[in-house]
Each structure stands twice: as structure tokens, then as C-alpha cells.
């Protein structure tokens, strides 16, 4: 068998990828912005299952765009999510990406409270300028985010991008997010991960730029 490689210029690879995704996606009822978010997740993962398992609370995309354009910060559960978010584009509006999972204070509190570091990082990192909480790894952090935002005025709660991956409470924490929160983007089941969380946020940033 002879392998045939596509001849694509480096600057055209992303556009060609999105063209292929659109062609293979097939008929759908998603509005343009929702499709764009799902499309970027598929681009990051190569997995079309996300077109079936992603869920969006009413108004969630618009809330995320408004937060970005308003210069709000993005709080993440792990450094991999933080690393994947386009800080240069986000910085256009003054927002920052915050991840405290590696802070000594967080580690000490996690040990004292017998919690995960990601959980504590969300607990103490959530402040008035957090507009999006992006979680791709730790179900414990997602559960903490759900509990923390429940204490905030519903009109001011940040968007939770909750897509932890795995086998222990990943699916359950996302089901709880859909059940108990009013402003979320998630992927039901075990699939998710840091690349998915970053892809969703980057899609929102690009929509905010338009």
C-alpha cells in the first residue's frame, strides 16, 4: 500500500482541517456559534463523538463571549488547560489565565483539607473578575466550582466549561453540572480533557473577536 500525503501549505493546514470537519460532520441543527465551538473541539481531538455528547446551557456561549470582551479572567484546574488557551488573543481585552494548582499555598491547603490541589485552586481562586472557569482534568475541581458558583448571584455567575476526562466521577460531575448549574458548556460521559477545555475557550475567544 502506498501512503498518499496531502499537499497543504503550512499556513493552510488549519483551514483545510476545518473544511474536512465541516464536510464529514453532516447535516445538523446547531446554530453557527455552537457549531463553531464543537468544530474546534473535534479539531483538537479528532473525535466526532463530541458532536453528540456536548451540551450547552441556554445563553452560555454569549455569556462566555461577554466575559472575554469585558476583560474577565479565566480560571483553570490544571496547567495543561492554561497552556492551551490563547493568551495573546485573550489579552486584547485585558483578561488573564489563572491557574494556582502549582502554588505552595494550594498544596499546603490541599494536604490540610485532604482535598485535591485542583479542587483547592478553584476554591480559593474564584474571585469577582473570574468570567470563565475552564476545567479539563479534575472532577473534584468541577464539583467545587458547582458548589462555589451556587453562592453567587445567578446573573453574575461565571461560565463553567466543565469537561473533565476519566473513569472516576468524570461523567458524574458533568451530569451534576447540567443538573445544578445554569451557565455551562460540557461533554457528557467520560470523554473530555485539557485539550477539549482549551479548545472551547479558544473558540469563544475567536467568536469574541468577530
Foldseek 3Di string as FASTA:
>chain_A
DDDDDDDDDPVCVVVVLLVVCVVVLDDDDDDPLVVLLLSLLCVLPVDSCQVPFKDFFVCQLVLLLVLLQQQFEEEELDVLLQVLADQVLSPVNNYYYDYCLPPPVLVVVCVVVVHHSSLSRLVVVDDQRHQEYQYAADLSNLQSLLVVQVPPDLVRGHEYAQEHADDPCRQVSVVVCVVRHRHYIYGHDRDGGSSSSNSSSNSSSVVSVD
